[in-house]
């Protein structure tokens, strides 16, 4: 079975873009709760020291969405191409 690399890349990029947007908005509107939750997951003992330096601006959200979406698109395209090469 062949996988269409472009379609898989677009699907992965759109999914990641949606999740990234949701998480960025949650971080923007609920920074203390989100950082506490992230700190609990990653076990960051010194979270209170870095909280003042974390700011979420609209430009940061836009740049993050664009750059990460491109990276995910390329990753899924390459993965599909490698998969298709091994199907011969």
Protein backbone atom coordinates (compact mmCIF):
# COMPACT_ATOMS: atom_id res chain seq x y z
CA UNK A 1 0.00 0.00 0.00
CA UNK A 2 1.39 3.39 -0.99
CA UNK A 3 0.98 6.40 1.24
CA UNK A 4 0.60 9.80 -0.39
CA UNK A 5 3.36 11.77 1.30
CA UNK A 6 1.80 15.18 0.70
CA UNK A 7 -1.55 14.18 2.11
CA UNK A 8 -0.01 12.60 5.19
CA UNK A 9 2.16 15.68 5.69
CA UNK A 10 -0.81 18.02 5.46
CA UNK A 11 -2.88 15.89 7.85
CA UNK A 12 -0.07 15.74 10.41
CA UNK A 13 0.67 19.46 10.07
CA UNK A 14 -2.98 20.47 10.50
CA UNK A 15 -3.37 18.24 13.54
CA UNK A 16 -0.22 19.60 15.13
CA UNK A 17 -1.17 23.18 14.26
CA UNK A 18 -4.53 22.75 16.00
CA UNK A 19 -2.99 21.26 19.12
CA UNK A 20 -0.23 23.89 19.24
CA UNK A 21 -2.79 26.69 18.94
CA UNK A 22 -4.93 25.28 21.74
CA UNK A 23 -1.94 24.82 24.04
CA UNK A 24 -0.59 28.29 23.24
CA UNK A 25 -3.94 29.90 24.02
CA UNK A 26 -4.23 27.97 27.28
CA UNK A 27 -0.74 29.13 28.22
CA UNK A 28 -1.63 32.71 27.25
CA UNK A 29 -4.84 32.91 29.29
CA UNK A 30 -3.94 30.60 32.21
CA UNK A 31 -0.16 30.94 32.62
CA UNK A 32 0.15 30.03 36.31
CA UNK A 33 -1.99 26.91 36.12
CA UNK A 34 -0.42 25.77 32.86
CA UNK A 35 3.14 26.26 34.07
CA UNK A 36 2.33 24.49 37.31
CA UNK A 37 0.91 21.56 35.33
CA UNK A 38 3.87 21.49 32.93
CA UNK A 39 6.26 21.73 35.87
CA UNK A 40 4.54 18.80 37.53
CA UNK A 41 4.81 16.71 34.36
CA UNK A 42 8.45 17.52 33.73
CA UNK A 43 9.32 17.67 37.44
CA UNK A 44 10.89 21.09 37.23
CA UNK A 45 11.79 21.93 40.83
CA UNK A 46 12.81 25.53 40.09
CA UNK A 47 9.73 26.57 38.12
CA UNK A 48 9.11 29.63 40.29
CA UNK A 49 12.45 31.05 39.15
CA UNK A 50 11.66 30.93 35.44
CA UNK A 51 7.98 32.00 35.57
CA UNK A 52 8.78 35.74 35.35
CA UNK A 53 10.78 35.20 32.16
CA UNK A 54 8.06 33.30 30.30
CA UNK A 55 5.87 35.59 28.18
CA UNK A 56 3.47 34.54 25.49
CA UNK A 57 3.00 37.15 22.80
CA UNK A 58 0.92 36.88 19.64
CA UNK A 59 4.13 37.00 17.60
CA UNK A 60 5.59 34.09 19.58
CA UNK A 61 2.42 32.06 19.01
CA UNK A 62 2.43 32.80 15.27
CA UNK A 63 6.13 32.03 14.80
CA UNK A 64 5.78 28.83 16.84
CA UNK A 65 2.79 27.67 14.84
CA UNK A 66 4.46 28.36 11.49
CA UNK A 67 7.86 26.88 12.30
CA UNK A 68 6.59 23.78 14.08
CA UNK A 69 3.95 23.11 11.42
CA UNK A 70 6.60 23.20 8.68
CA UNK A 71 8.83 20.83 10.65
CA UNK A 72 5.95 18.39 11.24
CA UNK A 73 4.96 18.53 7.55
CA UNK A 74 8.50 17.71 6.45
CA UNK A 75 8.80 14.93 9.05
CA UNK A 76 5.59 13.22 7.92
CA UNK A 77 6.47 13.59 4.23
CA UNK A 78 9.90 12.04 4.77
CA UNK A 79 8.39 9.26 6.89
CA UNK A 80 5.85 8.46 4.14
CA UNK A 81 8.55 8.48 1.46
CA UNK A 82 10.73 6.10 3.47
CA UNK A 83 7.72 3.85 4.06
CA UNK A 84 6.97 3.84 0.33
CA UNK A 85 10.57 2.96 -0.51
CA UNK A 86 10.38 -0.15 1.67
CA UNK A 87 7.11 -1.27 0.06
CA UNK A 88 8.78 -2.14 -3.27
